[in-house]
Amino acid sequence: MKITVRVWRQDGPEAEGRMVPYEVDDVSEHMSFLEMLDVLNERLTMRGEEPITFDHDCREGICGSCDLVIDGIPHGPQQTTTCQLHMRSFSDGDTIDVEPFRAGPFPVIKDLMVDRSALDRIIQAGGFISAPTGTAPDAHATPVPKNDADHAFDAATCIGCGACVAVCPNGSSMLFTSAKVTHLGLLPQGQPERRSRVVNMLNQQDAEGFGGCTNIGDCTAVCPKGIPFETISRLNRDLLGSLARGRD
């Protein structure tokens, strides 16, 4: 295929940005989107031009680093990570817009790379459990009801990519925060900090400048791991319970 990619170029956090078009030919439908960008960067380098800066790591849909907005949709037209998006989702002659995630708490570092450390600080505020030292307990020493285990596993699949923030008109990270709160709060190991966890993480979320949730639901539509919307309801129940009983 021959396509045109219009890429957001920005030299630094304080620099003015602009969309720059590039033509890319000989694009195989079997390439991933990131492989197509690799080919483009190689050609830019050969021409003595500055390659496009974008974030990536595992390229297996696990790490959540490949945070791109493609044609206005975080991660692109398929509900998957950008690294798992293949060029077969596009057609010969297409013009594709590629931009960084847009949110106040995600400042642009350069080109398509943004700083998502605000999500890390939310986890640091409460996304942990008390772990006594000593030998590991037997795997089945603490029974967990299957329904709770299933819901906890669903929430734990969150990779912290930030697509929920990028698509939300409020710039809310509520789906991310609720996933972290839910997967610990449903398990016995997460009970000691359950009341304080939800309050501390939400306070940090507000401090980072994320918006509030108004139940629009776009977050679940683009989440590459399909985190269900009900995780936000679980967070709200934990929050109400914590405020009613007092924090530990």
Protein backbone atom coordinates (compact mmCIF):
# COMPACT_ATOMS: atom_id res chain seq x y z
CA MET A 1 0.00 0.00 0.00
CA LYS A 2 0.91 3.64 -0.33
CA ILE A 3 -0.39 5.84 2.46
CA THR A 4 0.03 9.36 3.79
CA VAL A 5 0.68 9.79 7.50
CA ARG A 6 0.12 13.19 9.05
CA VAL A 7 2.19 13.15 12.23
CA TRP A 8 2.22 15.59 15.15
CA ARG A 9 5.75 17.01 15.43
CA GLN A 10 6.75 18.96 18.53
CA ASP A 11 10.36 19.64 19.49
CA GLY A 12 9.71 19.81 23.24
CA PRO A 13 7.18 20.46 26.00
CA GLU A 14 7.19 24.24 25.47
CA ALA A 15 7.55 24.23 21.68
CA GLU A 16 4.77 24.86 19.18
CA GLY A 17 3.51 21.71 17.50
CA ARG A 18 2.28 21.09 13.97
CA MET A 19 1.02 18.28 11.76
CA VAL A 20 3.57 17.17 9.16
CA PRO A 21 2.56 14.90 6.24
CA TYR A 22 4.75 12.01 5.10
CA GLU A 23 4.17 9.59 2.23
CA VAL A 24 5.00 5.96 2.96
CA ASP A 25 4.96 3.40 0.17
CA ASP A 26 5.51 -0.37 0.06
CA VAL A 27 3.52 -0.78 3.27
CA SER A 28 2.60 -4.42 3.87
CA GLU A 29 -0.78 -5.19 5.35
CA HIS A 30 1.02 -7.56 7.73
CA MET A 31 3.03 -4.76 9.33
CA SER A 32 2.02 -3.49 12.73
CA PHE A 33 1.38 0.23 12.96
CA LEU A 34 4.62 0.69 14.89
CA GLU A 35 6.56 -1.24 12.25
CA MET A 36 5.21 1.17 9.67
CA LEU A 37 6.50 4.06 11.80
CA ASP A 38 9.85 2.25 12.07
CA VAL A 39 10.07 2.12 8.28
CA LEU A 40 9.20 5.81 8.04
CA ASN A 41 11.82 6.69 10.67
CA GLU A 42 14.47 4.70 8.85
CA ARG A 43 13.75 6.63 5.66
CA LEU A 44 13.78 9.94 7.52
CA THR A 45 17.15 9.07 9.05
CA MET A 46 18.57 8.11 5.65
CA ARG A 47 17.47 11.52 4.35
CA GLY A 48 19.15 13.27 7.26
CA GLU A 49 15.85 14.31 8.84
CA GLU A 50 14.84 14.03 12.50
CA PRO A 51 13.02 10.73 13.16
CA ILE A 52 9.64 10.72 14.86
CA THR A 53 9.77 10.20 18.62
CA PHE A 54 7.16 7.76 19.94
CA ASP A 55 6.94 5.55 23.01
CA HIS A 56 7.03 1.75 22.86
CA ASP A 57 8.50 -1.20 24.70
CA CYS A 58 7.20 -4.77 24.65
CA ARG A 59 5.21 -4.57 21.39
CA GLU A 60 3.09 -7.44 22.70
CA GLY A 61 0.10 -5.50 24.04
CA ILE A 62 1.25 -5.81 27.65
CA CYS A 63 3.23 -2.75 28.74
CA GLY A 64 0.83 0.04 27.65
CA SER A 65 3.62 2.27 26.35
CA CYS A 66 2.48 2.71 22.75
CA ASP A 67 0.11 5.61 23.42
CA LEU A 68 -0.93 7.10 20.07
CA VAL A 69 -4.15 8.68 18.87
CA ILE A 70 -4.84 7.41 15.35
CA ASP A 71 -7.52 9.18 13.33
CA GLY A 72 -8.92 10.66 16.52
CA ILE A 73 -9.17 7.35 18.41
CA PRO A 74 -6.70 6.24 21.12
CA HIS A 75 -4.84 3.20 19.73
CA GLY A 76 -6.75 3.42 16.45
CA PRO A 77 -9.81 1.79 14.85
CA GLN A 78 -9.47 -1.60 16.57
CA GLN A 79 -9.96 -2.12 20.30
CA THR A 80 -6.36 -3.12 20.91
CA THR A 81 -3.01 -1.52 21.67
CA THR A 82 -1.24 0.41 18.91
CA CYS A 83 1.51 -2.23 18.71
CA GLN A 84 -1.12 -4.89 17.97
CA LEU A 85 -2.87 -2.76 15.34
CA HIS A 86 -1.95 -3.94 11.85
CA MET A 87 -1.95 -2.07 8.59
CA ARG A 88 -4.65 -4.36 7.21
CA SER A 89 -7.03 -2.09 9.12
CA PHE A 90 -6.26 0.61 6.54
CA SER A 91 -6.52 0.87 2.77
CA ASP A 92 -4.26 1.92 -0.07
CA GLY A 93 -4.31 5.70 -0.47
CA ASP A 94 -5.50 6.42 3.08
CA THR A 95 -4.44 9.55 4.93
CA ILE A 96 -3.88 8.72 8.61
CA ASP A 97 -3.58 11.30 11.37
CA VAL A 98 -1.25 10.35 14.23
CA GLU A 99 -1.19 12.42 17.41
CA PRO A 100 -0.10 12.03 21.04
CA PHE A 101 -2.56 11.34 23.84
CA ARG A 102 -4.28 14.62 24.70
CA ALA A 103 -4.82 15.34 28.40
CA GLY A 104 -3.63 18.00 30.82
CA PRO A 105 -1.86 15.49 33.10
CA PHE A 106 -0.07 13.97 30.04
CA PRO A 107 2.33 16.73 28.89
CA VAL A 108 4.03 16.16 25.55
CA ILE A 109 7.75 15.34 25.88
CA LYS A 110 8.49 15.30 22.17
CA ASP A 111 6.46 14.53 19.05
CA LEU A 112 4.18 11.58 19.94
CA MET A 113 5.69 10.81 23.37
CA VAL A 114 3.88 12.02 26.48
CA ASP A 115 4.67 11.84 30.20
CA ARG A 116 2.18 9.44 31.84
CA SER A 117 3.90 9.36 35.23
CA ALA A 118 0.76 10.86 36.79
CA LEU A 119 -0.75 7.36 36.59
CA ASP A 120 2.26 5.94 38.45
CA ARG A 121 1.76 8.45 41.25
CA ILE A 122 -1.89 7.38 41.61
CA ILE A 123 -0.70 3.80 42.13
CA GLN A 124 1.95 4.96 44.60
CA ALA A 125 -0.81 6.62 46.64
CA GLY A 126 -2.56 3.34 47.39
CA GLY A 127 -2.15 0.62 44.78
CA PHE A 128 -0.39 -1.83 47.08
CA ILE A 129 -1.03 -4.37 49.83
CA SER A 130 0.59 -5.18 53.16
CA ALA A 131 2.93 -8.13 52.63
CA PRO A 132 4.35 -9.69 55.80
CA THR A 133 7.87 -11.00 55.36
CA GLY A 134 8.61 -14.68 55.56
CA THR A 135 7.92 -17.70 53.40
CA ALA A 136 5.17 -17.49 50.79
CA PRO A 137 1.86 -19.03 51.89
CA ASP A 138 0.50 -22.06 50.05
CA ALA A 139 -1.44 -21.14 46.92
CA HIS A 140 -4.78 -22.30 48.34
CA ALA A 141 -4.26 -21.21 51.95
CA THR A 142 -6.71 -18.30 51.53
CA PRO A 143 -9.86 -19.30 49.63
CA VAL A 144 -11.25 -16.66 47.25
CA PRO A 145 -14.80 -16.98 45.87
CA LYS A 146 -14.66 -17.60 42.12
CA ASN A 147 -16.90 -14.64 41.29
CA ASP A 148 -14.60 -12.29 43.20
CA ALA A 149 -11.52 -13.85 41.63
CA ASP A 150 -12.98 -13.45 38.12
CA HIS A 151 -13.85 -9.77 38.65
CA ALA A 152 -10.47 -9.10 40.26
CA PHE A 153 -8.69 -10.70 37.31
CA ASP A 154 -10.73 -8.64 34.82
CA ALA A 155 -9.68 -5.45 36.61
CA ALA A 156 -6.05 -6.58 36.96
CA THR A 157 -5.66 -6.81 33.19
CA CYS A 158 -5.42 -2.99 33.07
CA ILE A 159 -2.03 -2.10 31.55
CA GLY A 160 -2.14 1.60 32.49
CA CYS A 161 -1.90 2.83 28.91
CA GLY A 162 -4.07 5.91 29.54
CA ALA A 163 -6.39 5.46 26.55
CA CYS A 164 -9.35 5.97 28.89
CA VAL A 165 -7.96 9.40 29.80
CA ALA A 166 -7.20 10.37 26.21
CA VAL A 167 -10.71 9.60 24.96
CA CYS A 168 -12.63 11.08 27.89
CA PRO A 169 -13.96 14.60 27.21
CA ASN A 170 -13.32 15.32 30.89
CA GLY A 171 -9.79 13.88 30.87
CA SER A 172 -10.79 11.51 33.66
CA SER A 173 -8.68 8.56 34.79
CA MET A 174 -11.53 6.98 36.70
CA LEU A 175 -11.50 3.71 34.75
CA PHE A 176 -7.77 3.29 35.42
CA THR A 177 -8.08 4.15 39.12
CA SER A 178 -11.14 1.97 39.60
CA ALA A 179 -9.37 -0.99 37.99
CA LYS A 180 -6.48 -0.67 40.46
CA VAL A 181 -8.85 -0.22 43.42
CA THR A 182 -11.12 -3.10 42.35
CA HIS A 183 -8.54 -5.78 41.69
CA LEU A 184 -7.05 -5.32 45.17
CA GLY A 185 -10.31 -4.62 46.99
CA LEU A 186 -11.92 -7.89 45.90
CA LEU A 187 -9.12 -10.06 47.26
CA PRO A 188 -8.42 -10.97 50.92
CA GLN A 189 -4.87 -9.63 50.62
CA GLY A 190 -6.19 -6.19 49.77
CA GLN A 191 -8.50 -5.76 52.75
CA PRO A 192 -6.15 -4.08 55.30
CA GLU A 193 -5.84 -0.90 53.18
CA ARG A 194 -9.22 -1.11 51.47
CA ARG A 195 -10.77 1.94 53.15
CA SER A 196 -7.75 4.20 52.90
CA ARG A 197 -6.75 3.00 49.42
CA VAL A 198 -9.74 4.37 47.54
CA VAL A 199 -9.60 7.76 49.28
CA ASN A 200 -5.85 8.19 48.86
CA MET A 201 -5.86 7.19 45.20
CA LEU A 202 -8.77 9.49 44.37
CA ASN A 203 -7.11 12.37 46.20
CA GLN A 204 -3.97 11.81 44.16
CA GLN A 205 -6.02 11.58 40.98
CA ASP A 206 -7.52 15.00 41.73
CA ALA A 207 -4.10 16.42 42.63
CA GLU A 208 -2.73 15.34 39.24
CA GLY A 209 -5.42 17.36 37.46
CA PHE A 210 -7.57 14.58 36.02
CA GLY A 211 -11.21 15.44 35.43
CA GLY A 212 -14.26 13.93 37.06
CA CYS A 213 -16.27 11.01 35.70
CA THR A 214 -19.71 11.78 34.27
CA ASN A 215 -20.47 8.21 33.14
CA ILE A 216 -20.10 8.85 29.40
CA GLY A 217 -18.55 5.42 28.83
CA ASP A 218 -16.10 6.22 26.02
CA CYS A 219 -13.32 4.85 28.23
CA THR A 220 -14.57 1.28 28.06
CA ALA A 221 -15.08 1.53 24.29
CA VAL A 222 -11.36 2.16 23.66
CA CYS A 223 -9.82 0.20 26.54
CA PRO A 224 -7.58 -2.40 24.86
CA LYS A 225 -8.17 -4.84 27.71
CA GLY A 226 -11.94 -4.34 27.89
CA ILE A 227 -12.06 -3.21 31.52
CA PRO A 228 -15.81 -3.22 32.30
CA PHE A 229 -17.62 -0.04 33.25
CA GLU A 230 -18.86 -1.66 36.44
CA THR A 231 -15.39 -1.27 37.97
CA ILE A 232 -16.16 2.44 38.40
CA SER A 233 -19.34 1.49 40.30
CA ARG A 234 -17.27 -0.77 42.55
CA LEU A 235 -14.89 2.12 43.28
CA ASN A 236 -17.83 4.38 44.14
CA ARG A 237 -19.22 1.76 46.53
CA ASP A 238 -15.82 1.44 48.21
CA LEU A 239 -15.58 5.22 48.48
CA LEU A 240 -19.02 5.58 50.04
CA GLY A 241 -18.25 2.76 52.46
CA SER A 242 -14.94 4.35 53.43
CA LEU A 243 -16.47 7.77 54.02
CA ALA A 244 -19.35 6.28 56.00
CA ARG A 245 -17.16 4.17 58.29
CA GLY A 246 -14.08 6.38 58.41
CA ARG A 247 -10.67 5.65 56.94
CA ASP A 248 -8.35 3.12 58.58
